[in-house]
Amino acid sequence: MAKADDTTDDTTDETAATPKEKNIHAKLGRLNSLQRNINAYMNSKSKKFAGIQAYVTQAAAAQNAQAKLDAANAKLAADQATLADLTTQLADLNATDTT
């Protein structure tokens, strides 16, 4: 007479399967199918690439604008320091003239 094995676990995990996220190549689909470099996207006449062209162009413009803003802020800080120094010198001259 064979005895049943009591060491096995008959319970099952009921965890929900998480959906597998697509990698970037799968998300790009046909844009990636030709293995093009950025020059091919930028020089393409296809309407499929218009969004990419607009994004790259605007991103470059934004970087240029940020660089100009940073330069202007640096010049402003330098000019404000110069103005503060001149104001101090003027106040010192006015203080010595009245005595």
PDB file of N, CA and C in Angstrom:
ATOM      1  N   MET A   1       0.836  -1.165   0.000  1.00  0.00           N
ATOM      2  CA  MET A   1       0.000   0.000   0.000  1.00  0.00           C
ATOM      3  C   MET A   1       0.898   1.250   0.000  1.00  0.00           C
ATOM      4  N   ALA A   2       0.760   2.129  -1.006  1.00  0.00           N
ATOM      5  CA  ALA A   2       1.605   3.314  -1.157  1.00  0.00           C
ATOM      6  C   ALA A   2       1.010   4.471  -0.377  1.00  0.00           C
ATOM      7  N   LYS A   3       1.879   5.173   0.313  1.00  0.00           N
ATOM      8  CA  LYS A   3       1.443   6.314   1.104  1.00  0.00           C
ATOM      9  C   LYS A   3       1.652   7.597   0.280  1.00  0.00           C
ATOM     10  N   ALA A   4       0.701   8.513   0.311  1.00  0.00           N
ATOM     11  CA  ALA A   4       0.801   9.768  -0.432  1.00  0.00           C
ATOM     12  C   ALA A   4       1.886  10.641   0.176  1.00  0.00           C
ATOM     13  N   ASP A   5       2.586  11.356  -0.677  1.00  0.00           N
ATOM     14  CA  ASP A   5       3.666  12.232  -0.226  1.00  0.00           C
ATOM     15  C   ASP A   5       3.054  13.502   0.345  1.00  0.00           C
ATOM     16  N   ASP A   6       3.256  13.727   1.634  1.00  0.00           N
ATOM     17  CA  ASP A   6       2.693  14.898   2.300  1.00  0.00           C
ATOM     18  C   ASP A   6       3.630  16.102   2.245  1.00  0.00           C
ATOM     19  N   THR A   7       4.782  15.998   1.593  1.00  0.00           N
ATOM     20  CA  THR A   7       5.756  17.087   1.595  1.00  0.00           C
ATOM     21  C   THR A   7       5.549  18.087   0.463  1.00  0.00           C
ATOM     22  N   THR A   8       4.701  17.770  -0.488  1.00  0.00           N
ATOM     23  CA  THR A   8       4.496  18.699  -1.599  1.00  0.00           C
ATOM     24  C   THR A   8       3.509  19.769  -1.208  1.00  0.00           C
ATOM     25  N   ASP A   9       3.698  20.940  -1.780  1.00  0.00           N
ATOM     26  CA  ASP A   9       2.833  22.082  -1.499  1.00  0.00           C
ATOM     27  C   ASP A   9       1.889  22.248  -2.672  1.00  0.00           C
ATOM     28  N   ASP A  10       0.601  22.107  -2.416  1.00  0.00           N
ATOM     29  CA  ASP A  10      -0.389  22.193  -3.484  1.00  0.00           C
ATOM     30  C   ASP A  10      -0.943  23.606  -3.660  1.00  0.00           C
ATOM     31  N   THR A  11      -0.442  24.588  -2.906  1.00  0.00           N
ATOM     32  CA  THR A  11      -0.954  25.952  -3.029  1.00  0.00           C
ATOM     33  C   THR A  11      -0.318  26.628  -4.235  1.00  0.00           C
ATOM     34  N   THR A  12      -1.054  27.512  -4.846  1.00  0.00           N
ATOM     35  CA  THR A  12      -0.539  28.251  -5.995  1.00  0.00           C
ATOM     36  C   THR A  12      -0.539  29.731  -5.668  1.00  0.00           C
ATOM     37  N   ASP A  13       0.448  30.425  -6.178  1.00  0.00           N
ATOM     38  CA  ASP A  13       0.490  31.880  -6.021  1.00  0.00           C
ATOM     39  C   ASP A  13      -0.461  32.500  -7.026  1.00  0.00           C
ATOM     40  N   GLU A  14      -1.250  33.428  -6.559  1.00  0.00           N
ATOM     41  CA  GLU A  14      -2.178  34.114  -7.457  1.00  0.00           C
ATOM     42  C   GLU A  14      -1.744  35.564  -7.613  1.00  0.00           C
ATOM     43  N   THR A  15      -0.540  35.764  -8.073  1.00  0.00           N
ATOM     44  CA  THR A  15      -0.047  37.116  -8.313  1.00  0.00           C
ATOM     45  C   THR A  15      -0.356  37.501  -9.748  1.00  0.00           C
ATOM     46  N   ALA A  16      -0.718  38.747  -9.924  1.00  0.00           N
ATOM     47  CA  ALA A  16      -1.039  39.229 -11.267  1.00  0.00           C
ATOM     48  C   ALA A  16       0.251  39.373 -12.064  1.00  0.00           C
ATOM     49  N   ALA A  17       0.204  38.959 -13.283  1.00  0.00           N
ATOM     50  CA  ALA A  17       1.374  39.084 -14.148  1.00  0.00           C
ATOM     51  C   ALA A  17       1.545  40.542 -14.537  1.00  0.00           C
ATOM     52  N   THR A  18       2.748  41.046 -14.378  1.00  0.00           N
ATOM     53  CA  THR A  18       3.006  42.424 -14.775  1.00  0.00           C
ATOM     54  C   THR A  18       3.302  42.442 -16.264  1.00  0.00           C
ATOM     55  N   PRO A  19       2.714  43.393 -16.980  1.00  0.00           N
ATOM     56  CA  PRO A  19       2.955  43.438 -18.426  1.00  0.00           C
ATOM     57  C   PRO A  19       4.405  43.824 -18.695  1.00  0.00           C
ATOM     58  N   LYS A  20       4.989  43.170 -19.644  1.00  0.00           N
ATOM     59  CA  LYS A  20       6.378  43.449 -20.002  1.00  0.00           C
ATOM     60  C   LYS A  20       6.436  44.750 -20.794  1.00  0.00           C
ATOM     61  N   GLU A  21       7.289  45.650 -20.344  1.00  0.00           N
ATOM     62  CA  GLU A  21       7.407  46.948 -21.012  1.00  0.00           C
ATOM     63  C   GLU A  21       8.260  46.798 -22.271  1.00  0.00           C
ATOM     64  N   LYS A  22       7.819  47.461 -23.340  1.00  0.00           N
ATOM     65  CA  LYS A  22       8.558  47.393 -24.602  1.00  0.00           C
ATOM     66  C   LYS A  22       9.858  48.175 -24.486  1.00  0.00           C
ATOM     67  N   ASN A  23      10.869  47.696 -25.163  1.00  0.00           N
ATOM     68  CA  ASN A  23      12.123  48.445 -25.166  1.00  0.00           C
ATOM     69  C   ASN A  23      12.004  49.608 -26.152  1.00  0.00           C
ATOM     70  N   ILE A  24      12.976  50.471 -26.150  1.00  0.00           N
ATOM     71  CA  ILE A  24      12.915  51.692 -26.956  1.00  0.00           C
ATOM     72  C   ILE A  24      12.854  51.394 -28.445  1.00  0.00           C
ATOM     73  N   HIS A  25      13.517  50.328 -28.890  1.00  0.00           N
ATOM     74  CA  HIS A  25      13.496  49.996 -30.315  1.00  0.00           C
ATOM     75  C   HIS A  25      12.106  49.559 -30.748  1.00  0.00           C
ATOM     76  N   ALA A  26      11.402  48.858 -29.877  1.00  0.00           N
ATOM     77  CA  ALA A  26      10.043  48.441 -30.206  1.00  0.00           C
ATOM     78  C   ALA A  26       9.103  49.639 -30.216  1.00  0.00           C
ATOM     79  N   LYS A  27       9.331  50.596 -29.330  1.00  0.00           N
ATOM     80  CA  LYS A  27       8.481  51.785 -29.284  1.00  0.00           C
ATOM     81  C   LYS A  27       8.678  52.660 -30.525  1.00  0.00           C
ATOM     82  N   LEU A  28       9.910  52.728 -31.009  1.00  0.00           N
ATOM     83  CA  LEU A  28      10.177  53.563 -32.181  1.00  0.00           C
ATOM     84  C   LEU A  28       9.625  52.958 -33.465  1.00  0.00           C
ATOM     85  N   GLY A  29       9.470  51.660 -33.492  1.00  0.00           N
ATOM     86  CA  GLY A  29       8.860  50.995 -34.640  1.00  0.00           C
ATOM     87  C   GLY A  29       9.563  51.291 -35.938  1.00  0.00           C
ATOM     88  N   ARG A  30       8.807  51.812 -36.890  1.00  0.00           N
ATOM     89  CA  ARG A  30       9.367  51.997 -38.234  1.00  0.00           C
ATOM     90  C   ARG A  30      10.436  53.082 -38.289  1.00  0.00           C
ATOM     91  N   LEU A  31      10.455  53.986 -37.301  1.00  0.00           N
ATOM     92  CA  LEU A  31      11.502  55.004 -37.300  1.00  0.00           C
ATOM     93  C   LEU A  31      12.877  54.370 -37.101  1.00  0.00           C
ATOM     94  N   ASN A  32      12.899  53.246 -36.423  1.00  0.00           N
ATOM     95  CA  ASN A  32      14.162  52.579 -36.140  1.00  0.00           C
ATOM     96  C   ASN A  32      14.499  51.517 -37.180  1.00  0.00           C
ATOM     97  N   SER A  33      13.590  51.222 -38.058  1.00  0.00           N
ATOM     98  CA  SER A  33      13.771  50.089 -38.960  1.00  0.00           C
ATOM     99  C   SER A  33      14.933  50.275 -39.929  1.00  0.00           C
ATOM    100  N   LEU A  34      15.262  51.490 -40.269  1.00  0.00           N
ATOM    101  CA  LEU A  34      16.332  51.734 -41.232  1.00  0.00           C
ATOM    102  C   LEU A  34      17.681  52.004 -40.574  1.00  0.00           C
ATOM    103  N   GLN A  35      17.704  52.015 -39.242  1.00  0.00           N
ATOM    104  CA  GLN A  35      18.933  52.297 -38.495  1.00  0.00           C
ATOM    105  C   GLN A  35      19.571  53.603 -38.970  1.00  0.00           C
ATOM    106  N   ARG A  36      18.771  54.639 -39.077  1.00  0.00           N
ATOM    107  CA  ARG A  36      19.260  55.929 -39.566  1.00  0.00           C
ATOM    108  C   ARG A  36      19.972  56.696 -38.464  1.00  0.00           C
ATOM    109  N   ASN A  37      20.849  57.585 -38.866  1.00  0.00           N
ATOM    110  CA  ASN A  37      21.453  58.482 -37.895  1.00  0.00           C
ATOM    111  C   ASN A  37      20.668  59.796 -37.915  1.00  0.00           C
ATOM    112  N   ILE A  38      21.039  60.732 -37.065  1.00  0.00           N
ATOM    113  CA  ILE A  38      20.266  61.966 -36.920  1.00  0.00           C
ATOM    114  C   ILE A  38      20.264  62.787 -38.202  1.00  0.00           C
ATOM    115  N   ASN A  39      21.321  62.729 -38.997  1.00  0.00           N
ATOM    116  CA  ASN A  39      21.355  63.490 -40.249  1.00  0.00           C
ATOM    117  C   ASN A  39      20.293  62.991 -41.219  1.00  0.00           C
ATOM    118  N   ALA A  40      20.057  61.707 -41.223  1.00  0.00           N
ATOM    119  CA  ALA A  40      19.021  61.164 -42.102  1.00  0.00           C
ATOM    120  C   ALA A  40      17.648  61.663 -41.675  1.00  0.00           C
ATOM    121  N   TYR A  41      17.415  61.742 -40.375  1.00  0.00           N
ATOM    122  CA  TYR A  41      16.127  62.249 -39.894  1.00  0.00           C
ATOM    123  C   TYR A  41      15.960  63.727 -40.241  1.00  0.00           C
ATOM    124  N   MET A  42      17.026  64.501 -40.057  1.00  0.00           N
ATOM    125  CA  MET A  42      16.932  65.941 -40.266  1.00  0.00           C
ATOM    126  C   MET A  42      16.810  66.307 -41.745  1.00  0.00           C
ATOM    127  N   ASN A  43      17.373  65.514 -42.632  1.00  0.00           N
ATOM    128  CA  ASN A  43      17.341  65.829 -44.054  1.00  0.00           C
ATOM    129  C   ASN A  43      16.235  65.108 -44.810  1.00  0.00           C
ATOM    130  N   SER A  44      15.440  64.352 -44.107  1.00  0.00           N
ATOM    131  CA  SER A  44      14.385  63.584 -44.755  1.00  0.00           C
ATOM    132  C   SER A  44      13.244  64.504 -45.185  1.00  0.00           C
ATOM    133  N   LYS A  45      12.644  64.191 -46.302  1.00  0.00           N
ATOM    134  CA  LYS A  45      11.482  64.943 -46.777  1.00  0.00           C
ATOM    135  C   LYS A  45      10.180  64.268 -46.347  1.00  0.00           C
ATOM    136  N   SER A  46      10.291  63.136 -45.680  1.00  0.00           N
ATOM    137  CA  SER A  46       9.125  62.371 -45.268  1.00  0.00           C
ATOM    138  C   SER A  46       8.372  63.092 -44.151  1.00  0.00           C
ATOM    139  N   LYS A  47       7.055  63.040 -44.218  1.00  0.00           N
ATOM    140  CA  LYS A  47       6.232  63.653 -43.182  1.00  0.00           C
ATOM    141  C   LYS A  47       6.331  62.890 -41.868  1.00  0.00           C
ATOM    142  N   LYS A  48       6.770  61.637 -41.931  1.00  0.00           N
ATOM    143  CA  LYS A  48       6.906  60.826 -40.722  1.00  0.00           C
ATOM    144  C   LYS A  48       7.944  61.422 -39.776  1.00  0.00           C
ATOM    145  N   PHE A  49       8.915  62.102 -40.335  1.00  0.00           N
ATOM    146  CA  PHE A  49      10.014  62.618 -39.532  1.00  0.00           C
ATOM    147  C   PHE A  49       9.844  64.099 -39.181  1.00  0.00           C
ATOM    148  N   ALA A  50       8.736  64.691 -39.554  1.00  0.00           N
ATOM    149  CA  ALA A  50       8.524  66.115 -39.287  1.00  0.00           C
ATOM    150  C   ALA A  50       8.544  66.407 -37.793  1.00  0.00           C
ATOM    151  N   GLY A  51       7.957  65.531 -37.007  1.00  0.00           N
ATOM    152  CA  GLY A  51       7.946  65.724 -35.557  1.00  0.00           C
ATOM    153  C   GLY A  51       9.341  65.679 -34.964  1.00  0.00           C
ATOM    154  N   ILE A  52      10.144  64.755 -35.438  1.00  0.00           N
ATOM    155  CA  ILE A  52      11.524  64.641 -34.952  1.00  0.00           C
ATOM    156  C   ILE A  52      12.321  65.872 -35.361  1.00  0.00           C
ATOM    157  N   GLN A  53      12.131  66.309 -36.602  1.00  0.00           N
ATOM    158  CA  GLN A  53      12.847  67.490 -37.082  1.00  0.00           C
ATOM    159  C   GLN A  53      12.465  68.718 -36.256  1.00  0.00           C
ATOM    160  N   ALA A  54      11.179  68.882 -35.988  1.00  0.00           N
ATOM    161  CA  ALA A  54      10.725  70.030 -35.209  1.00  0.00           C
ATOM    162  C   ALA A  54      11.281  69.973 -33.789  1.00  0.00           C
ATOM    163  N   TYR A  55      11.267  68.787 -33.188  1.00  0.00           N
ATOM    164  CA  TYR A  55      11.775  68.640 -31.827  1.00  0.00           C
ATOM    165  C   TYR A  55      13.262  68.980 -31.752  1.00  0.00           C
ATOM    166  N   VAL A  56      14.053  68.431 -32.656  1.00  0.00           N
ATOM    167  CA  VAL A  56      15.499  68.665 -32.623  1.00  0.00           C
ATOM    168  C   VAL A  56      15.802  70.142 -32.861  1.00  0.00           C
ATOM    169  N   THR A  57      15.094  70.751 -33.806  1.00  0.00           N
ATOM    170  CA  THR A  57      15.306  72.169 -34.099  1.00  0.00           C
ATOM    171  C   THR A  57      14.961  73.035 -32.890  1.00  0.00           C
ATOM    172  N   GLN A  58      13.814  72.758 -32.265  1.00  0.00           N
ATOM    173  CA  GLN A  58      13.397  73.551 -31.111  1.00  0.00           C
ATOM    174  C   GLN A  58      14.283  73.290 -29.894  1.00  0.00           C
ATOM    175  N   ALA A  59      14.749  72.060 -29.736  1.00  0.00           N
ATOM    176  CA  ALA A  59      15.649  71.754 -28.624  1.00  0.00           C
ATOM    177  C   ALA A  59      16.966  72.511 -28.781  1.00  0.00           C
ATOM    178  N   ALA A  60      17.474  72.586 -30.005  1.00  0.00           N
ATOM    179  CA  ALA A  60      18.705  73.336 -30.255  1.00  0.00           C
ATOM    180  C   ALA A  60      18.482  74.827 -30.005  1.00  0.00           C
ATOM    181  N   ALA A  61      17.334  75.341 -30.439  1.00  0.00           N
ATOM    182  CA  ALA A  61      17.022  76.754 -30.205  1.00  0.00           C
ATOM    183  C   ALA A  61      16.903  77.036 -28.707  1.00  0.00           C
ATOM    184  N   ALA A  62      16.308  76.116 -27.973  1.00  0.00           N
ATOM    185  CA  ALA A  62      16.169  76.291 -26.527  1.00  0.00           C
ATOM    186  C   ALA A  62      17.532  76.278 -25.838  1.00  0.00           C
ATOM    187  N   GLN A  63      18.429  75.409 -26.285  1.00  0.00           N
ATOM    188  CA  GLN A  63      19.776  75.380 -25.705  1.00  0.00           C
ATOM    189  C   GLN A  63      20.523  76.675 -26.000  1.00  0.00           C
ATOM    190  N   ASN A  64      20.379  77.197 -27.213  1.00  0.00           N
ATOM    191  CA  ASN A  64      21.022  78.466 -27.559  1.00  0.00           C
ATOM    192  C   ASN A  64      20.455  79.605 -26.724  1.00  0.00           C
ATOM    193  N   ALA A  65      19.138  79.618 -26.551  1.00  0.00           N
ATOM    194  CA  ALA A  65      18.506  80.660 -25.746  1.00  0.00           C
ATOM    195  C   ALA A  65      18.954  80.567 -24.291  1.00  0.00           C
ATOM    196  N   GLN A  66      19.075  79.350 -23.770  1.00  0.00           N
ATOM    197  CA  GLN A  66      19.531  79.172 -22.385  1.00  0.00           C
ATOM    198  C   GLN A  66      20.963  79.660 -22.221  1.00  0.00           C
ATOM    199  N   ALA A  67      21.806  79.390 -23.205  1.00  0.00           N
ATOM    200  CA  ALA A  67      23.197  79.851 -23.145  1.00  0.00           C
ATOM    201  C   ALA A  67      23.257  81.379 -23.159  1.00  0.00           C
ATOM    202  N   LYS A  68      22.429  82.004 -24.000  1.00  0.00           N
ATOM    203  CA  LYS A  68      22.393  83.471 -24.045  1.00  0.00           C
ATOM    204  C   LYS A  68      21.869  84.043 -22.734  1.00  0.00           C
ATOM    205  N   LEU A  69      20.866  83.394 -22.146  1.00  0.00           N
ATOM    206  CA  LEU A  69      20.325  83.843 -20.864  1.00  0.00           C
ATOM    207  C   LEU A  69      21.376  83.737 -19.763  1.00  0.00           C
ATOM    208  N   ASP A  70      22.106  82.635 -19.745  1.00  0.00           N
ATOM    209  CA  ASP A  70      23.161  82.462 -18.746  1.00  0.00           C
ATOM    210  C   ASP A  70      24.240  83.533 -18.895  1.00  0.00           C
ATOM    211  N   ALA A  71      24.609  83.847 -20.136  1.00  0.00           N
ATOM    212  CA  ALA A  71      25.612  84.886 -20.377  1.00  0.00           C
ATOM    213  C   ALA A  71      25.090  86.254 -19.939  1.00  0.00           C
ATOM    214  N   ALA A  72      23.826  86.537 -20.233  1.00  0.00           N
ATOM    215  CA  ALA A  72      23.236  87.817 -19.841  1.00  0.00           C
ATOM    216  C   ALA A  72      23.149  87.927 -18.318  1.00  0.00           C
ATOM    217  N   ASN A  73      22.798  86.830 -17.646  1.00  0.00           N
ATOM    218  CA  ASN A  73      22.734  86.851 -16.182  1.00  0.00           C
ATOM    219  C   ASN A  73      24.115  87.061 -15.569  1.00  0.00           C
ATOM    220  N   ALA A  74      25.140  86.470 -16.167  1.00  0.00           N
ATOM    221  CA  ALA A  74      26.506  86.672 -15.673  1.00  0.00           C
ATOM    222  C   ALA A  74      26.927  88.125 -15.855  1.00  0.00           C
ATOM    223  N   LYS A  75      26.610  88.720 -17.009  1.00  0.00           N
ATOM    224  CA  LYS A  75      26.941  90.128 -17.256  1.00  0.00           C
ATOM    225  C   LYS A  75      26.166  91.033 -16.301  1.00  0.00           C
ATOM    226  N   LEU A  76      24.905  90.699 -16.057  1.00  0.00           N
ATOM    227  CA  LEU A  76      24.090  91.485 -15.128  1.00  0.00           C
ATOM    228  C   LEU A  76      24.690  91.451 -13.728  1.00  0.00           C
ATOM    229  N   ALA A  77      25.096  90.279 -13.282  1.00  0.00           N
ATOM    230  CA  ALA A  77      25.695  90.164 -11.948  1.00  0.00           C
ATOM    231  C   ALA A  77      26.979  90.984 -11.863  1.00  0.00           C
ATOM    232  N   ALA A  78      27.798  90.945 -12.913  1.00  0.00           N
ATOM    233  CA  ALA A  78      29.038  91.727 -12.925  1.00  0.00           C
ATOM    234  C   ALA A  78      28.734  93.224 -12.926  1.00  0.00           C
ATOM    235  N   ASP A  79      27.758  93.642 -13.725  1.00  0.00           N
ATOM    236  CA  ASP A  79      27.386  95.058 -13.785  1.00  0.00           C
ATOM    237  C   ASP A  79      26.782  95.533 -12.467  1.00  0.00           C
ATOM    238  N   GLN A  80      26.006  94.672 -11.805  1.00  0.00           N
ATOM    239  CA  GLN A  80      25.439  95.050 -10.509  1.00  0.00           C
ATOM    240  C   GLN A  80      26.535  95.198  -9.460  1.00  0.00           C
ATOM    241  N   ALA A  81      27.543  94.338  -9.523  1.00  0.00           N
ATOM    242  CA  ALA A  81      28.668  94.457  -8.589  1.00  0.00           C
ATOM    243  C   ALA A  81      29.424  95.755  -8.841  1.00  0.00           C
ATOM    244  N   THR A  82      29.617  96.095 -10.114  1.00  0.00           N
ATOM    245  CA  THR A  82      30.288  97.352 -10.466  1.00  0.00           C
ATOM    246  C   THR A  82      29.475  98.545  -9.978  1.00  0.00           C
ATOM    247  N   LEU A  83      28.166  98.503 -10.168  1.00  0.00           N
ATOM    248  CA  LEU A  83      27.291  99.588  -9.717  1.00  0.00           C
ATOM    249  C   LEU A  83      27.333  99.732  -8.201  1.00  0.00           C
ATOM    250  N   ALA A  84      27.316  98.621  -7.497  1.00  0.00           N
ATOM    251  CA  ALA A  84      27.379  98.672  -6.036  1.00  0.00           C
ATOM    252  C   ALA A  84      28.703  99.280  -5.582  1.00  0.00           C
ATOM    253  N   ASP A  85      29.794  98.935  -6.257  1.00  0.00           N
ATOM    254  CA  ASP A  85      31.107  99.491  -5.929  1.00  0.00           C
ATOM    255  C   ASP A  85      31.140 100.995  -6.188  1.00  0.00           C
ATOM    256  N   LEU A  86      30.604 101.413  -7.333  1.00  0.00           N
ATOM    257  CA  LEU A  86      30.574 102.845  -7.656  1.00  0.00           C
ATOM    258  C   LEU A  86      29.676 103.613  -6.690  1.00  0.00           C
ATOM    259  N   THR A  87      28.576 103.011  -6.296  1.00  0.00           N
ATOM    260  CA  THR A  87      27.673 103.659  -5.333  1.00  0.00           C
ATOM    261  C   THR A  87      28.373 103.846  -3.994  1.00  0.00           C
ATOM    262  N   THR A  88      29.136 102.851  -3.585  1.00  0.00           N
ATOM    263  CA  THR A  88      29.895 102.949  -2.331  1.00  0.00           C
ATOM    264  C   THR A  88      30.952 104.044  -2.436  1.00  0.00           C
ATOM    265  N   GLN A  89      31.638 104.111  -3.568  1.00  0.00           N
ATOM    266  CA  GLN A  89      32.658 105.146  -3.768  1.00  0.00           C
ATOM    267  C   GLN A  89      32.029 106.535  -3.743  1.00  0.00           C
ATOM    268  N   LEU A  90      30.865 106.679  -4.373  1.00  0.00           N
ATOM    269  CA  LEU A  90      30.172 107.970  -4.391  1.00  0.00           C
ATOM    270  C   LEU A  90      29.727 108.363  -2.989  1.00  0.00           C
ATOM    271  N   ALA A  91      29.228 107.398  -2.253  1.00  0.00           N
ATOM    272  CA  ALA A  91      28.804 107.691  -0.881  1.00  0.00           C
ATOM    273  C   ALA A  91      29.997 108.101  -0.029  1.00  0.00           C
ATOM    274  N   ASP A  92      31.139 107.458  -0.235  1.00  0.00           N
ATOM    275  CA  ASP A  92      32.350 107.824   0.508  1.00  0.00           C
ATOM    276  C   ASP A  92      32.807 109.237   0.137  1.00  0.00           C
ATOM    277  N   LEU A  93      32.742 109.589  -1.153  1.00  0.00           N
ATOM    278  CA  LEU A  93      33.131 110.938  -1.586  1.00  0.00           C
ATOM    279  C   LEU A  93      32.188 111.986  -1.014  1.00  0.00           C
ATOM    280  N   ASN A  94      30.898 111.702  -1.015  1.00  0.00           N
ATOM    281  CA  ASN A  94      29.926 112.644  -0.465  1.00  0.00           C
ATOM    282  C   ASN A  94      30.121 112.803   1.036  1.00  0.00           C
ATOM    283  N   ALA A  95      30.505 111.742   1.705  1.00  0.00           N
ATOM    284  CA  ALA A  95      30.722 111.818   3.153  1.00  0.00           C
ATOM    285  C   ALA A  95      31.953 112.657   3.468  1.00  0.00           C
ATOM    286  N   THR A  96      32.986 112.575   2.654  1.00  0.00           N
ATOM    287  CA  THR A  96      34.204 113.349   2.911  1.00  0.00           C
ATOM    288  C   THR A  96      34.036 114.808   2.502  1.00  0.00           C
ATOM    289  N   ASP A  97      33.176 115.091   1.520  1.00  0.00           N
ATOM    290  CA  ASP A  97      32.961 116.468   1.081  1.00  0.00           C
ATOM    291  C   ASP A  97      32.178 117.267   2.108  1.00  0.00           C
ATOM    292  N   THR A  98      31.321 116.664   2.854  1.00  0.00           N
ATOM    293  CA  THR A  98      30.484 117.399   3.800  1.00  0.00           C
ATOM    294  C   THR A  98      31.197 117.646   5.108  1.00  0.00           C
ATOM    295  N   THR A  99      32.328 117.025   5.343  1.00  0.00           N
ATOM    296  CA  THR A  99      33.019 117.242   6.615  1.00  0.00           C
ATOM    297  C   THR A  99      34.031 118.335   6.556  1.00  0.00           C
TER     298      THR A  99
END
